[in-house]
Amino acid sequence: MSEESRLRWQCRRGMRELDELLLRYLESRYPSADEAEKAAFQAVLALPDPDLNGYLLQRQVPLSKSIAGVIERILSQPHA
């Protein structure tokens, strides 16, 4: 399985709106991201669903600056 396929699979969290946010970031921002941002996005995908949902729904703020930065970039992606 390629890295893109693996990440695409991990973006599927079972909540359509959140899935779309993650996939939009993966398709538009991830390919040009530097290695640190790519690692932070992979860390975001490794988060438990309740934490990820809280961050993406802006009910919680991540303690990690790198994760917070990726969450901010995910949320700032233009809508399709």
PDB file of N, CA and C in Angstrom:
ATOM      1  N   MET A   1       0.852  -1.176   0.000  1.00  0.00           N
ATOM      2  CA  MET A   1       0.000   0.000   0.000  1.00  0.00           C
ATOM      3  C   MET A   1       0.896   1.237   0.000  1.00  0.00           C
ATOM      4  N   SER A   2       0.615   2.167  -0.894  1.00  0.00           N
ATOM      5  CA  SER A   2       1.417   3.385  -0.984  1.00  0.00           C
ATOM      6  C   SER A   2       1.133   4.297   0.214  1.00  0.00           C
ATOM      7  N   GLU A   3       2.037   5.242   0.434  1.00  0.00           N
ATOM      8  CA  GLU A   3       1.843   6.182   1.539  1.00  0.00           C
ATOM      9  C   GLU A   3       0.544   6.962   1.347  1.00  0.00           C
ATOM     10  N   GLU A   4       0.280   7.409   0.120  1.00  0.00           N
ATOM     11  CA  GLU A   4      -0.943   8.170  -0.128  1.00  0.00           C
ATOM     12  C   GLU A   4      -2.189   7.334   0.165  1.00  0.00           C
ATOM     13  N   SER A   5      -2.183   6.079  -0.254  1.00  0.00           N
ATOM     14  CA  SER A   5      -3.331   5.199   0.005  1.00  0.00           C
ATOM     15  C   SER A   5      -3.532   4.994   1.505  1.00  0.00           C
ATOM     16  N   ARG A   6      -2.430   4.795   2.216  1.00  0.00           N
ATOM     17  CA  ARG A   6      -2.506   4.589   3.667  1.00  0.00           C
ATOM     18  C   ARG A   6      -3.062   5.843   4.349  1.00  0.00           C
ATOM     19  N   LEU A   7      -2.567   7.014   3.962  1.00  0.00           N
ATOM     20  CA  LEU A   7      -3.038   8.254   4.565  1.00  0.00           C
ATOM     21  C   LEU A   7      -4.504   8.516   4.206  1.00  0.00           C
ATOM     22  N   ARG A   8      -4.850   8.247   2.959  1.00  0.00           N
ATOM     23  CA  ARG A   8      -6.247   8.431   2.533  1.00  0.00           C
ATOM     24  C   ARG A   8      -7.169   7.551   3.386  1.00  0.00           C
ATOM     25  N   TRP A   9      -6.751   6.322   3.634  1.00  0.00           N
ATOM     26  CA  TRP A   9      -7.542   5.413   4.469  1.00  0.00           C
ATOM     27  C   TRP A   9      -7.657   5.958   5.889  1.00  0.00           C
ATOM     28  N   GLN A  10      -6.565   6.488   6.427  1.00  0.00           N
ATOM     29  CA  GLN A  10      -6.581   7.020   7.791  1.00  0.00           C
ATOM     30  C   GLN A  10      -7.427   8.287   7.910  1.00  0.00           C
ATOM     31  N   CYS A  11      -7.650   8.981   6.801  1.00  0.00           N
ATOM     32  CA  CYS A  11      -8.483  10.183   6.812  1.00  0.00           C
ATOM     33  C   CYS A  11      -9.963   9.840   6.972  1.00  0.00           C
ATOM     34  N   ARG A  12     -10.324   8.610   6.734  1.00  0.00           N
ATOM     35  CA  ARG A  12     -11.717   8.189   6.848  1.00  0.00           C
ATOM     36  C   ARG A  12     -12.016   7.880   8.307  1.00  0.00           C
ATOM     37  N   ARG A  13     -12.723   8.794   8.949  1.00  0.00           N
ATOM     38  CA  ARG A  13     -12.993   8.662  10.376  1.00  0.00           C
ATOM     39  C   ARG A  13     -14.457   8.376  10.688  1.00  0.00           C
ATOM     40  N   GLY A  14     -15.307   8.349   9.656  1.00  0.00           N
ATOM     41  CA  GLY A  14     -16.700   8.002   9.875  1.00  0.00           C
ATOM     42  C   GLY A  14     -17.631   9.177  10.079  1.00  0.00           C
ATOM     43  N   MET A  15     -17.099  10.376  10.012  1.00  0.00           N
ATOM     44  CA  MET A  15     -17.913  11.582  10.095  1.00  0.00           C
ATOM     45  C   MET A  15     -17.645  12.362   8.816  1.00  0.00           C
ATOM     46  N   ARG A  16     -18.614  12.400   7.929  1.00  0.00           N
ATOM     47  CA  ARG A  16     -18.397  12.905   6.577  1.00  0.00           C
ATOM     48  C   ARG A  16     -17.711  14.273   6.547  1.00  0.00           C
ATOM     49  N   GLU A  17     -18.163  15.211   7.363  1.00  0.00           N
ATOM     50  CA  GLU A  17     -17.593  16.559   7.352  1.00  0.00           C
ATOM     51  C   GLU A  17     -16.113  16.532   7.733  1.00  0.00           C
ATOM     52  N   LEU A  18     -15.778  15.735   8.740  1.00  0.00           N
ATOM     53  CA  LEU A  18     -14.380  15.649   9.166  1.00  0.00           C
ATOM     54  C   LEU A  18     -13.538  14.907   8.139  1.00  0.00           C
ATOM     55  N   ASP A  19     -14.105  13.852   7.557  1.00  0.00           N
ATOM     56  CA  ASP A  19     -13.404  13.125   6.494  1.00  0.00           C
ATOM     57  C   ASP A  19     -13.053  14.078   5.356  1.00  0.00           C
ATOM     58  N   GLU A  20     -14.011  14.919   4.977  1.00  0.00           N
ATOM     59  CA  GLU A  20     -13.776  15.859   3.880  1.00  0.00           C
ATOM     60  C   GLU A  20     -12.690  16.871   4.220  1.00  0.00           C
ATOM     61  N   LEU A  21     -12.676  17.360   5.461  1.00  0.00           N
ATOM     62  CA  LEU A  21     -11.615  18.281   5.883  1.00  0.00           C
ATOM     63  C   LEU A  21     -10.242  17.628   5.754  1.00  0.00           C
ATOM     64  N   LEU A  22     -10.127  16.412   6.269  1.00  0.00           N
ATOM     65  CA  LEU A  22      -8.840  15.714   6.242  1.00  0.00           C
ATOM     66  C   LEU A  22      -8.416  15.390   4.813  1.00  0.00           C
ATOM     67  N   LEU A  23      -9.336  14.906   4.009  1.00  0.00           N
ATOM     68  CA  LEU A  23      -9.001  14.568   2.615  1.00  0.00           C
ATOM     69  C   LEU A  23      -8.643  15.803   1.810  1.00  0.00           C
ATOM     70  N   ARG A  24      -9.331  16.907   2.038  1.00  0.00           N
ATOM     71  CA  ARG A  24      -9.015  18.151   1.323  1.00  0.00           C
ATOM     72  C   ARG A  24      -7.590  18.586   1.638  1.00  0.00           C
ATOM     73  N   TYR A  25      -7.213  18.498   2.916  1.00  0.00           N
ATOM     74  CA  TYR A  25      -5.834  18.843   3.300  1.00  0.00           C
ATOM     75  C   TYR A  25      -4.854  17.892   2.622  1.00  0.00           C
ATOM     76  N   LEU A  26      -5.135  16.598   2.678  1.00  0.00           N
ATOM     77  CA  LEU A  26      -4.250  15.597   2.087  1.00  0.00           C
ATOM     78  C   LEU A  26      -4.024  15.871   0.607  1.00  0.00           C
ATOM     79  N   GLU A  27      -5.059  16.223  -0.102  1.00  0.00           N
ATOM     80  CA  GLU A  27      -4.957  16.424  -1.542  1.00  0.00           C
ATOM     81  C   GLU A  27      -4.349  17.766  -1.916  1.00  0.00           C
ATOM     82  N   SER A  28      -4.630  18.808  -1.141  1.00  0.00           N
ATOM     83  CA  SER A  28      -4.195  20.140  -1.560  1.00  0.00           C
ATOM     84  C   SER A  28      -2.921  20.635  -0.875  1.00  0.00           C
ATOM     85  N   ARG A  29      -2.726  20.316   0.370  1.00  0.00           N
ATOM     86  CA  ARG A  29      -1.600  20.889   1.120  1.00  0.00           C
ATOM     87  C   ARG A  29      -0.467  19.880   1.366  1.00  0.00           C
ATOM     88  N   TYR A  30      -0.825  18.645   1.671  1.00  0.00           N
ATOM     89  CA  TYR A  30       0.166  17.648   2.076  1.00  0.00           C
ATOM     90  C   TYR A  30       1.280  17.449   1.049  1.00  0.00           C
ATOM     91  N   PRO A  31       0.987  17.354  -0.253  1.00  0.00           N
ATOM     92  CA  PRO A  31       2.064  17.093  -1.211  1.00  0.00           C
ATOM     93  C   PRO A  31       3.188  18.132  -1.196  1.00  0.00           C
ATOM     94  N   SER A  32       2.868  19.388  -0.882  1.00  0.00           N
ATOM     95  CA  SER A  32       3.894  20.435  -0.879  1.00  0.00           C
ATOM     96  C   SER A  32       4.414  20.761   0.520  1.00  0.00           C
ATOM     97  N   ALA A  33       3.908  20.079   1.527  1.00  0.00           N
ATOM     98  CA  ALA A  33       4.331  20.341   2.908  1.00  0.00           C
ATOM     99  C   ALA A  33       5.767  19.867   3.135  1.00  0.00           C
ATOM    100  N   ASP A  34       6.450  20.518   4.079  1.00  0.00           N
ATOM    101  CA  ASP A  34       7.791  20.051   4.422  1.00  0.00           C
ATOM    102  C   ASP A  34       7.676  18.805   5.316  1.00  0.00           C
ATOM    103  N   GLU A  35       8.793  18.195   5.579  1.00  0.00           N
ATOM    104  CA  GLU A  35       8.791  16.932   6.328  1.00  0.00           C
ATOM    105  C   GLU A  35       8.206  17.086   7.733  1.00  0.00           C
ATOM    106  N   ALA A  36       8.467  18.224   8.379  1.00  0.00           N
ATOM    107  CA  ALA A  36       7.934  18.445   9.732  1.00  0.00           C
ATOM    108  C   ALA A  36       6.407  18.527   9.705  1.00  0.00           C
ATOM    109  N   GLU A  37       5.867  19.219   8.710  1.00  0.00           N
ATOM    110  CA  GLU A  37       4.410  19.325   8.611  1.00  0.00           C
ATOM    111  C   GLU A  37       3.791  17.977   8.253  1.00  0.00           C
ATOM    112  N   LYS A  38       4.450  17.224   7.377  1.00  0.00           N
ATOM    113  CA  LYS A  38       3.947  15.886   7.033  1.00  0.00           C
ATOM    114  C   LYS A  38       3.913  14.996   8.275  1.00  0.00           C
ATOM    115  N   ALA A  39       4.965  15.073   9.083  1.00  0.00           N
ATOM    116  CA  ALA A  39       5.011  14.271  10.311  1.00  0.00           C
ATOM    117  C   ALA A  39       3.904  14.709  11.271  1.00  0.00           C
ATOM    118  N   ALA A  40       3.656  16.010  11.356  1.00  0.00           N
ATOM    119  CA  ALA A  40       2.601  16.507  12.239  1.00  0.00           C
ATOM    120  C   ALA A  40       1.233  16.040  11.745  1.00  0.00           C
ATOM    121  N   PHE A  41       1.005  16.032  10.420  1.00  0.00           N
ATOM    122  CA  PHE A  41      -0.269  15.550   9.891  1.00  0.00           C
ATOM    123  C   PHE A  41      -0.449  14.072  10.199  1.00  0.00           C
ATOM    124  N   GLN A  42       0.613  13.306  10.074  1.00  0.00           N
ATOM    125  CA  GLN A  42       0.530  11.886  10.410  1.00  0.00           C
ATOM    126  C   GLN A  42       0.234  11.706  11.893  1.00  0.00           C
ATOM    127  N   ALA A  43       0.773  12.577  12.735  1.00  0.00           N
ATOM    128  CA  ALA A  43       0.462  12.530  14.170  1.00  0.00           C
ATOM    129  C   ALA A  43      -1.007  12.875  14.409  1.00  0.00           C
ATOM    130  N   VAL A  44      -1.543  13.813  13.640  1.00  0.00           N
ATOM    131  CA  VAL A  44      -2.967  14.151  13.738  1.00  0.00           C
ATOM    132  C   VAL A  44      -3.808  12.923  13.410  1.00  0.00           C
ATOM    133  N   LEU A  45      -3.442  12.211  12.349  1.00  0.00           N
ATOM    134  CA  LEU A  45      -4.208  11.030  11.947  1.00  0.00           C
ATOM    135  C   LEU A  45      -4.110   9.904  12.970  1.00  0.00           C
ATOM    136  N   ALA A  46      -3.071   9.913  13.787  1.00  0.00           N
ATOM    137  CA  ALA A  46      -2.901   8.878  14.815  1.00  0.00           C
ATOM    138  C   ALA A  46      -3.678   9.196  16.093  1.00  0.00           C
ATOM    139  N   LEU A  47      -4.253  10.386  16.174  1.00  0.00           N
ATOM    140  CA  LEU A  47      -5.002  10.767  17.382  1.00  0.00           C
ATOM    141  C   LEU A  47      -6.266   9.929  17.525  1.00  0.00           C
ATOM    142  N   PRO A  48      -6.681   9.691  18.760  1.00  0.00           N
ATOM    143  CA  PRO A  48      -7.977   9.029  18.971  1.00  0.00           C
ATOM    144  C   PRO A  48      -9.104   9.916  18.431  1.00  0.00           C
ATOM    145  N   ASP A  49     -10.156   9.297  17.944  1.00  0.00           N
ATOM    146  CA  ASP A  49     -11.271  10.041  17.355  1.00  0.00           C
ATOM    147  C   ASP A  49     -11.823  11.151  18.247  1.00  0.00           C
ATOM    148  N   PRO A  50     -12.037  10.918  19.545  1.00  0.00           N
ATOM    149  CA  PRO A  50     -12.582  12.011  20.375  1.00  0.00           C
ATOM    150  C   PRO A  50     -11.675  13.252  20.392  1.00  0.00           C
ATOM    151  N   ASP A  51     -10.368  13.048  20.456  1.00  0.00           N
ATOM    152  CA  ASP A  51      -9.433  14.180  20.443  1.00  0.00           C
ATOM    153  C   ASP A  51      -9.464  14.884  19.092  1.00  0.00           C
ATOM    154  N   LEU A  52      -9.374  14.112  18.011  1.00  0.00           N
ATOM    155  CA  LEU A  52      -9.379  14.693  16.671  1.00  0.00           C
ATOM    156  C   LEU A  52     -10.670  15.472  16.429  1.00  0.00           C
ATOM    157  N   ASN A  53     -11.789  14.899  16.791  1.00  0.00           N
ATOM    158  CA  ASN A  53     -13.070  15.587  16.623  1.00  0.00           C
ATOM    159  C   ASN A  53     -13.103  16.888  17.426  1.00  0.00           C
ATOM    160  N   GLY A  54     -12.625  16.841  18.657  1.00  0.00           N
ATOM    161  CA  GLY A  54     -12.591  18.047  19.483  1.00  0.00           C
ATOM    162  C   GLY A  54     -11.753  19.148  18.868  1.00  0.00           C
ATOM    163  N   TYR A  55     -10.616  18.787  18.290  1.00  0.00           N
ATOM    164  CA  TYR A  55      -9.746  19.778  17.655  1.00  0.00           C
ATOM    165  C   TYR A  55     -10.379  20.332  16.384  1.00  0.00           C
ATOM    166  N   LEU A  56     -10.894  19.458  15.536  1.00  0.00           N
ATOM    167  CA  LEU A  56     -11.454  19.913  14.262  1.00  0.00           C
ATOM    168  C   LEU A  56     -12.771  20.654  14.424  1.00  0.00           C
ATOM    169  N   LEU A  57     -13.493  20.365  15.497  1.00  0.00           N
ATOM    170  CA  LEU A  57     -14.728  21.086  15.780  1.00  0.00           C
ATOM    171  C   LEU A  57     -14.466  22.299  16.672  1.00  0.00           C
ATOM    172  N   GLN A  58     -13.206  22.546  16.961  1.00  0.00           N
ATOM    173  CA  GLN A  58     -12.729  23.687  17.746  1.00  0.00           C
ATOM    174  C   GLN A  58     -13.332  23.732  19.146  1.00  0.00           C
ATOM    175  N   ARG A  59     -13.501  22.550  19.726  1.00  0.00           N
ATOM    176  CA  ARG A  59     -13.964  22.444  21.116  1.00  0.00           C
ATOM    177  C   ARG A  59     -12.791  22.268  22.064  1.00  0.00           C
ATOM    178  N   GLN A  60     -11.646  21.876  21.514  1.00  0.00           N
ATOM    179  CA  GLN A  60     -10.421  21.686  22.289  1.00  0.00           C
ATOM    180  C   GLN A  60      -9.263  22.294  21.511  1.00  0.00           C
ATOM    181  N   VAL A  61      -8.185  22.588  22.219  1.00  0.00           N
ATOM    182  CA  VAL A  61      -6.978  23.121  21.599  1.00  0.00           C
ATOM    183  C   VAL A  61      -5.845  22.143  21.869  1.00  0.00           C
ATOM    184  N   PRO A  62      -5.141  21.697  20.823  1.00  0.00           N
ATOM    185  CA  PRO A  62      -4.030  20.765  21.033  1.00  0.00           C
ATOM    186  C   PRO A  62      -2.902  21.417  21.836  1.00  0.00           C
ATOM    187  N   LEU A  63      -2.263  20.638  22.684  1.00  0.00           N
ATOM    188  CA  LEU A  63      -1.116  21.132  23.437  1.00  0.00           C
ATOM    189  C   LEU A  63       0.130  21.207  22.552  1.00  0.00           C
ATOM    190  N   SER A  64       0.234  20.301  21.604  1.00  0.00           N
ATOM    191  CA  SER A  64       1.375  20.278  20.698  1.00  0.00           C
ATOM    192  C   SER A  64       1.255  21.406  19.675  1.00  0.00           C
ATOM    193  N   LYS A  65       2.298  22.237  19.576  1.00  0.00           N
ATOM    194  CA  LYS A  65       2.280  23.338  18.610  1.00  0.00           C
ATOM    195  C   LYS A  65       2.258  22.828  17.178  1.00  0.00           C
ATOM    196  N   SER A  66       2.951  21.728  16.911  1.00  0.00           N
ATOM    197  CA  SER A  66       2.968  21.215  15.541  1.00  0.00           C
ATOM    198  C   SER A  66       1.594  20.684  15.140  1.00  0.00           C
ATOM    199  N   ILE A  67       0.928  19.985  16.056  1.00  0.00           N
ATOM    200  CA  ILE A  67      -0.421  19.489  15.764  1.00  0.00           C
ATOM    201  C   ILE A  67      -1.387  20.667  15.649  1.00  0.00           C
ATOM    202  N   ALA A  68      -1.260  21.656  16.528  1.00  0.00           N
ATOM    203  CA  ALA A  68      -2.125  22.835  16.455  1.00  0.00           C
ATOM    204  C   ALA A  68      -1.961  23.545  15.115  1.00  0.00           C
ATOM    205  N   GLY A  69      -0.732  23.616  14.618  1.00  0.00           N
ATOM    206  CA  GLY A  69      -0.484  24.261  13.330  1.00  0.00           C
ATOM    207  C   GLY A  69      -1.156  23.521  12.184  1.00  0.00           C
ATOM    208  N   VAL A  70      -1.087  22.206  12.203  1.00  0.00           N
ATOM    209  CA  VAL A  70      -1.726  21.419  11.144  1.00  0.00           C
ATOM    210  C   VAL A  70      -3.247  21.542  11.248  1.00  0.00           C
ATOM    211  N   ILE A  71      -3.782  21.499  12.455  1.00  0.00           N
ATOM    212  CA  ILE A  71      -5.232  21.654  12.626  1.00  0.00           C
ATOM    213  C   ILE A  71      -5.668  23.012  12.057  1.00  0.00           C
ATOM    214  N   GLU A  72      -4.899  24.043  12.338  1.00  0.00           N
ATOM    215  CA  GLU A  72      -5.220  25.377  11.816  1.00  0.00           C
ATOM    216  C   GLU A  72      -5.197  25.379  10.287  1.00  0.00           C
ATOM    217  N   ARG A  73      -4.212  24.729   9.689  1.00  0.00           N
ATOM    218  CA  ARG A  73      -4.131  24.673   8.222  1.00  0.00           C
ATOM    219  C   ARG A  73      -5.267  23.824   7.637  1.00  0.00           C
ATOM    220  N   ILE A  74      -5.632  22.750   8.328  1.00  0.00           N
ATOM    221  CA  ILE A  74      -6.757  21.919   7.862  1.00  0.00           C
ATOM    222  C   ILE A  74      -8.029  22.763   7.852  1.00  0.00           C
ATOM    223  N   LEU A  75      -8.250  23.520   8.914  1.00  0.00           N
ATOM    224  CA  LEU A  75      -9.476  24.293   9.031  1.00  0.00           C
ATOM    225  C   LEU A  75      -9.494  25.506   8.104  1.00  0.00           C
ATOM    226  N   SER A  76      -8.329  25.958   7.667  1.00  0.00           N
ATOM    227  CA  SER A  76      -8.269  27.143   6.795  1.00  0.00           C
ATOM    228  C   SER A  76      -8.306  26.789   5.308  1.00  0.00           C
ATOM    229  N   GLN A  77      -8.377  25.507   4.978  1.00  0.00           N
ATOM    230  CA  GLN A  77      -8.444  25.105   3.576  1.00  0.00           C
ATOM    231  C   GLN A  77      -9.736  25.640   2.959  1.00  0.00           C
ATOM    232  N   PRO A  78      -9.651  26.164   1.732  1.00  0.00           N
ATOM    233  CA  PRO A  78     -10.884  26.625   1.076  1.00  0.00           C
ATOM    234  C   PRO A  78     -11.832  25.461   0.828  1.00  0.00           C
ATOM    235  N   HIS A  79     -13.105  25.727   0.928  1.00  0.00           N
ATOM    236  CA  HIS A  79     -14.110  24.678   0.687  1.00  0.00           C
ATOM    237  C   HIS A  79     -14.242  24.420  -0.804  1.00  0.00           C
ATOM    238  N   ALA A  80     -14.538  23.189  -1.109  1.00  0.00           N
ATOM    239  CA  ALA A  80     -14.681  22.811  -2.516  1.00  0.00           C
ATOM    240  C   ALA A  80     -16.002  23.279  -3.083  1.00  0.00           C
TER     241      ALA A  80
END
